[in-house]
Amino acid sequence: MDREFLFCSLILWQIGFIVYLLLNKFYQPKKLFTQPSVRPSVVEVDLPKKKIEHVDIEMKKQINTQKPTSAYVKSDEVIKGKVKTQKNKLKELIRGL
């Protein structure tokens, strides 16, 4: 039984190896004819060349080189109280508008 199994497996391996060699030597797959895809050709376009010109813009500047006379800023409203009450006042002002 063991000899028969060994003999059959060797024969199958030899047949497979011979078929592999014959296919590699003689078989050449058919090359499919494919048409090259049609791509649009590149077109060069001459754009009109514009001369770069300077643009004059009138700007009104008010630059003070003197030191300020007072550095104190007064606010119209004095807010006193806790943060929660200030938030509530702001919410009331927003809702009122």
N, C-alpha and C. Protein backbone atom coordinates (compact mmCIF):
# COMPACT_ATOMS: atom_id res chain seq x y z
N MET A 1 0.83 -1.19 0.00
CA MET A 1 0.00 0.00 0.00
C MET A 1 0.88 1.25 0.00
N ASP A 2 1.91 1.25 0.82
CA ASP A 2 2.80 2.40 0.89
C ASP A 2 3.55 2.58 -0.42
N ARG A 3 3.97 1.46 -1.01
CA ARG A 3 4.70 1.55 -2.28
C ARG A 3 3.80 2.07 -3.40
N GLU A 4 2.56 1.64 -3.40
CA GLU A 4 1.62 2.10 -4.44
C GLU A 4 1.37 3.61 -4.30
N PHE A 5 1.19 4.06 -3.06
CA PHE A 5 0.97 5.48 -2.80
C PHE A 5 2.18 6.30 -3.24
N LEU A 6 3.37 5.86 -2.90
CA LEU A 6 4.60 6.54 -3.27
C LEU A 6 4.77 6.57 -4.78
N PHE A 7 4.49 5.45 -5.43
CA PHE A 7 4.60 5.36 -6.89
C PHE A 7 3.59 6.30 -7.58
N CYS A 8 2.36 6.34 -7.11
CA CYS A 8 1.33 7.21 -7.72
C CYS A 8 1.67 8.68 -7.52
N SER A 9 2.14 9.01 -6.33
CA SER A 9 2.47 10.41 -6.09
C SER A 9 3.65 10.86 -6.94
N LEU A 10 4.65 10.01 -7.13
CA LEU A 10 5.78 10.37 -7.99
C LEU A 10 5.35 10.55 -9.44
N ILE A 11 4.47 9.71 -9.91
CA ILE A 11 3.97 9.82 -11.29
C ILE A 11 3.20 11.14 -11.45
N LEU A 12 2.35 11.46 -10.48
CA LEU A 12 1.58 12.71 -10.56
C LEU A 12 2.50 13.92 -10.53
N TRP A 13 3.53 13.92 -9.69
CA TRP A 13 4.48 15.02 -9.66
C TRP A 13 5.23 15.16 -10.98
N GLN A 14 5.60 14.04 -11.57
CA GLN A 14 6.31 14.09 -12.85
C GLN A 14 5.42 14.64 -13.95
N ILE A 15 4.15 14.22 -13.98
CA ILE A 15 3.21 14.72 -14.99
C ILE A 15 3.02 16.23 -14.82
N GLY A 16 2.84 16.68 -13.58
CA GLY A 16 2.64 18.10 -13.32
C GLY A 16 3.86 18.92 -13.71
N PHE A 17 5.06 18.40 -13.43
CA PHE A 17 6.29 19.11 -13.77
C PHE A 17 6.47 19.20 -15.28
N ILE A 18 6.16 18.13 -16.01
CA ILE A 18 6.29 18.13 -17.47
C ILE A 18 5.28 19.09 -18.09
N VAL A 19 4.05 19.10 -17.60
CA VAL A 19 3.03 20.02 -18.12
C VAL A 19 3.47 21.47 -17.86
N TYR A 20 4.03 21.77 -16.69
CA TYR A 20 4.51 23.11 -16.35
C TYR A 20 5.60 23.54 -17.32
N LEU A 21 6.58 22.65 -17.60
CA LEU A 21 7.65 23.01 -18.52
C LEU A 21 7.14 23.24 -19.94
N LEU A 22 6.23 22.38 -20.40
CA LEU A 22 5.69 22.53 -21.75
C LEU A 22 4.88 23.82 -21.89
N LEU A 23 4.09 24.16 -20.87
CA LEU A 23 3.30 25.40 -20.94
C LEU A 23 4.20 26.63 -20.95
N ASN A 24 5.25 26.63 -20.17
CA ASN A 24 6.14 27.78 -20.14
C ASN A 24 6.89 27.94 -21.46
N LYS A 25 7.21 26.84 -22.11
CA LYS A 25 7.99 26.93 -23.34
C LYS A 25 7.14 27.28 -24.56
N PHE A 26 5.96 26.67 -24.68
CA PHE A 26 5.18 26.81 -25.91
C PHE A 26 3.96 27.72 -25.79
N TYR A 27 3.45 27.91 -24.63
CA TYR A 27 2.22 28.69 -24.50
C TYR A 27 2.55 30.16 -24.39
N GLN A 28 1.98 30.94 -25.28
CA GLN A 28 2.10 32.39 -25.24
C GLN A 28 0.70 32.97 -25.28
N PRO A 29 0.32 33.69 -24.26
CA PRO A 29 -1.05 34.21 -24.24
C PRO A 29 -1.27 35.20 -25.37
N LYS A 30 -2.50 35.20 -25.87
CA LYS A 30 -2.84 36.12 -26.95
C LYS A 30 -2.85 37.54 -26.41
N LYS A 31 -2.23 38.39 -27.16
CA LYS A 31 -2.21 39.80 -26.76
C LYS A 31 -3.49 40.45 -27.28
N LEU A 32 -4.25 40.99 -26.37
CA LEU A 32 -5.49 41.64 -26.75
C LEU A 32 -5.18 42.97 -27.39
N PHE A 33 -5.86 43.24 -28.50
CA PHE A 33 -5.66 44.50 -29.19
C PHE A 33 -6.50 45.57 -28.51
N THR A 34 -5.84 46.53 -27.96
CA THR A 34 -6.55 47.63 -27.32
C THR A 34 -6.22 48.91 -28.06
N GLN A 35 -7.24 49.67 -28.33
CA GLN A 35 -7.04 50.94 -29.00
C GLN A 35 -6.57 51.96 -27.98
N PRO A 36 -5.60 52.74 -28.35
CA PRO A 36 -5.16 53.76 -27.39
C PRO A 36 -6.29 54.76 -27.15
N SER A 37 -6.42 55.16 -25.91
CA SER A 37 -7.49 56.08 -25.59
C SER A 37 -7.22 57.44 -26.24
N VAL A 38 -8.28 58.03 -26.70
CA VAL A 38 -8.16 59.31 -27.39
C VAL A 38 -8.12 60.41 -26.34
N ARG A 39 -7.01 61.08 -26.28
CA ARG A 39 -6.87 62.19 -25.34
C ARG A 39 -6.78 63.48 -26.14
N PRO A 40 -7.39 64.51 -25.62
CA PRO A 40 -7.29 65.77 -26.35
C PRO A 40 -5.84 66.26 -26.34
N SER A 41 -5.45 66.78 -27.46
CA SER A 41 -4.08 67.27 -27.55
C SER A 41 -3.95 68.60 -26.81
N VAL A 42 -2.76 68.93 -26.47
CA VAL A 42 -2.50 70.17 -25.73
C VAL A 42 -2.54 71.34 -26.70
N VAL A 43 -3.25 72.37 -26.31
CA VAL A 43 -3.38 73.55 -27.15
C VAL A 43 -2.70 74.72 -26.44
N GLU A 44 -1.81 75.37 -27.11
CA GLU A 44 -1.16 76.54 -26.54
C GLU A 44 -1.91 77.78 -26.97
N VAL A 45 -2.17 78.64 -26.01
CA VAL A 45 -2.92 79.86 -26.27
C VAL A 45 -2.06 81.04 -25.84
N ASP A 46 -1.96 82.01 -26.70
CA ASP A 46 -1.22 83.23 -26.36
C ASP A 46 -2.17 84.19 -25.67
N LEU A 47 -1.90 84.45 -24.42
CA LEU A 47 -2.72 85.37 -23.66
C LEU A 47 -2.21 86.78 -23.88
N PRO A 48 -3.10 87.75 -23.90
CA PRO A 48 -2.64 89.13 -24.06
C PRO A 48 -1.82 89.54 -22.84
N LYS A 49 -0.67 90.10 -23.10
CA LYS A 49 0.20 90.51 -22.00
C LYS A 49 -0.16 91.93 -21.59
N LYS A 50 -0.48 92.08 -20.32
CA LYS A 50 -0.84 93.39 -19.80
C LYS A 50 0.38 93.99 -19.11
N LYS A 51 0.55 95.23 -19.34
CA LYS A 51 1.65 95.91 -18.69
C LYS A 51 1.22 96.25 -17.26
N ILE A 52 2.07 95.92 -16.32
CA ILE A 52 1.76 96.17 -14.92
C ILE A 52 1.98 97.65 -14.64
N GLU A 53 0.93 98.28 -14.15
CA GLU A 53 0.99 99.71 -13.87
C GLU A 53 0.78 99.93 -12.39
N HIS A 54 1.29 101.02 -11.91
CA HIS A 54 1.10 101.39 -10.52
C HIS A 54 -0.25 102.06 -10.36
N VAL A 55 -0.87 101.79 -9.23
CA VAL A 55 -2.16 102.39 -8.94
C VAL A 55 -1.96 103.36 -7.78
N ASP A 56 -2.35 104.58 -7.99
CA ASP A 56 -2.24 105.59 -6.94
C ASP A 56 -3.52 105.60 -6.13
N ILE A 57 -3.37 105.47 -4.82
CA ILE A 57 -4.52 105.49 -3.93
C ILE A 57 -4.32 106.62 -2.94
N GLU A 58 -5.36 107.42 -2.79
CA GLU A 58 -5.27 108.54 -1.85
C GLU A 58 -5.68 108.04 -0.47
N MET A 59 -4.81 108.24 0.49
CA MET A 59 -5.08 107.79 1.86
C MET A 59 -5.00 109.00 2.79
N LYS A 60 -5.95 109.08 3.68
CA LYS A 60 -5.95 110.14 4.68
C LYS A 60 -5.46 109.55 5.99
N LYS A 61 -4.34 110.03 6.44
CA LYS A 61 -3.76 109.52 7.67
C LYS A 61 -3.72 110.64 8.71
N GLN A 62 -3.99 110.27 9.91
CA GLN A 62 -3.89 111.21 11.01
C GLN A 62 -2.92 110.60 12.03
N ILE A 63 -1.68 110.99 11.91
CA ILE A 63 -0.65 110.45 12.78
C ILE A 63 -0.23 111.53 13.75
N ASN A 64 -0.35 111.25 15.03
CA ASN A 64 0.07 112.19 16.08
C ASN A 64 1.40 111.73 16.64
N THR A 65 2.36 112.59 16.60
CA THR A 65 3.67 112.26 17.15
C THR A 65 3.85 112.82 18.56
N GLN A 66 2.86 113.54 19.05
CA GLN A 66 2.94 114.12 20.39
C GLN A 66 2.46 113.10 21.41
N LYS A 67 2.92 113.25 22.62
CA LYS A 67 2.49 112.37 23.70
C LYS A 67 1.07 112.77 24.12
N PRO A 68 0.28 111.82 24.56
CA PRO A 68 -1.07 112.16 25.01
C PRO A 68 -1.03 113.00 26.28
N THR A 69 -2.00 113.87 26.39
CA THR A 69 -2.02 114.76 27.56
C THR A 69 -2.53 114.02 28.80
N SER A 70 -3.43 113.08 28.62
CA SER A 70 -3.92 112.32 29.77
C SER A 70 -4.00 110.84 29.38
N ALA A 71 -3.65 110.00 30.33
CA ALA A 71 -3.67 108.56 30.08
C ALA A 71 -4.82 107.90 30.80
N TYR A 72 -5.71 108.69 31.36
CA TYR A 72 -6.82 108.15 32.13
C TYR A 72 -8.06 108.09 31.24
N VAL A 73 -8.74 106.94 31.22
CA VAL A 73 -9.94 106.77 30.42
C VAL A 73 -11.11 106.65 31.38
N LYS A 74 -12.11 107.50 31.19
CA LYS A 74 -13.28 107.46 32.04
C LYS A 74 -14.36 106.63 31.36
N SER A 75 -15.05 105.84 32.14
CA SER A 75 -16.19 105.11 31.60
C SER A 75 -17.47 105.75 32.12
N ASP A 76 -18.52 105.66 31.36
CA ASP A 76 -19.78 106.29 31.74
C ASP A 76 -20.46 105.55 32.88
N GLU A 77 -20.26 104.25 32.92
CA GLU A 77 -21.01 103.43 33.85
C GLU A 77 -20.04 102.75 34.81
N VAL A 78 -20.39 102.71 36.05
CA VAL A 78 -19.58 102.01 37.05
C VAL A 78 -20.34 100.73 37.40
N ILE A 79 -19.69 99.60 37.20
CA ILE A 79 -20.35 98.32 37.46
C ILE A 79 -19.85 97.80 38.79
N LYS A 80 -20.79 97.61 39.68
CA LYS A 80 -20.45 97.04 40.98
C LYS A 80 -21.28 95.78 41.17
N GLY A 81 -20.77 94.88 41.91
CA GLY A 81 -21.51 93.67 42.21
C GLY A 81 -20.74 92.43 41.80
N LYS A 82 -21.39 91.29 41.95
CA LYS A 82 -20.77 90.02 41.63
C LYS A 82 -20.89 89.75 40.14
N VAL A 83 -20.19 88.74 39.73
CA VAL A 83 -20.17 88.40 38.30
C VAL A 83 -21.54 87.91 37.85
N LYS A 84 -22.23 87.17 38.70
CA LYS A 84 -23.54 86.63 38.32
C LYS A 84 -24.53 87.75 38.05
N THR A 85 -24.51 88.77 38.90
CA THR A 85 -25.46 89.87 38.70
C THR A 85 -25.10 90.66 37.44
N GLN A 86 -23.80 90.78 37.16
CA GLN A 86 -23.40 91.47 35.94
C GLN A 86 -23.85 90.69 34.71
N LYS A 87 -23.74 89.36 34.78
CA LYS A 87 -24.20 88.54 33.65
C LYS A 87 -25.69 88.69 33.46
N ASN A 88 -26.42 88.72 34.57
CA ASN A 88 -27.87 88.88 34.47
C ASN A 88 -28.23 90.23 33.87
N LYS A 89 -27.50 91.27 34.25
CA LYS A 89 -27.76 92.60 33.68
C LYS A 89 -27.49 92.61 32.18
N LEU A 90 -26.40 91.96 31.77
CA LEU A 90 -26.10 91.89 30.35
C LEU A 90 -27.19 91.13 29.58
N LYS A 91 -27.65 90.02 30.17
CA LYS A 91 -28.73 89.25 29.52
C LYS A 91 -29.99 90.10 29.38
N GLU A 92 -30.31 90.87 30.41
CA GLU A 92 -31.49 91.74 30.35
C GLU A 92 -31.33 92.80 29.29
N LEU A 93 -30.11 93.36 29.17
CA LEU A 93 -29.88 94.37 28.15
C LEU A 93 -30.01 93.78 26.74
N ILE A 94 -29.49 92.57 26.57
CA ILE A 94 -29.56 91.92 25.25
C ILE A 94 -31.00 91.61 24.90
N ARG A 95 -31.77 91.09 25.86
CA ARG A 95 -33.17 90.74 25.59
C ARG A 95 -34.02 91.98 25.36
N GLY A 96 -33.65 93.05 25.97
CA GLY A 96 -34.39 94.29 25.83
C GLY A 96 -34.20 94.92 24.46
N LEU A 97 -33.06 94.63 23.83
CA LEU A 97 -32.80 95.21 22.52
C LEU A 97 -33.53 94.44 21.51
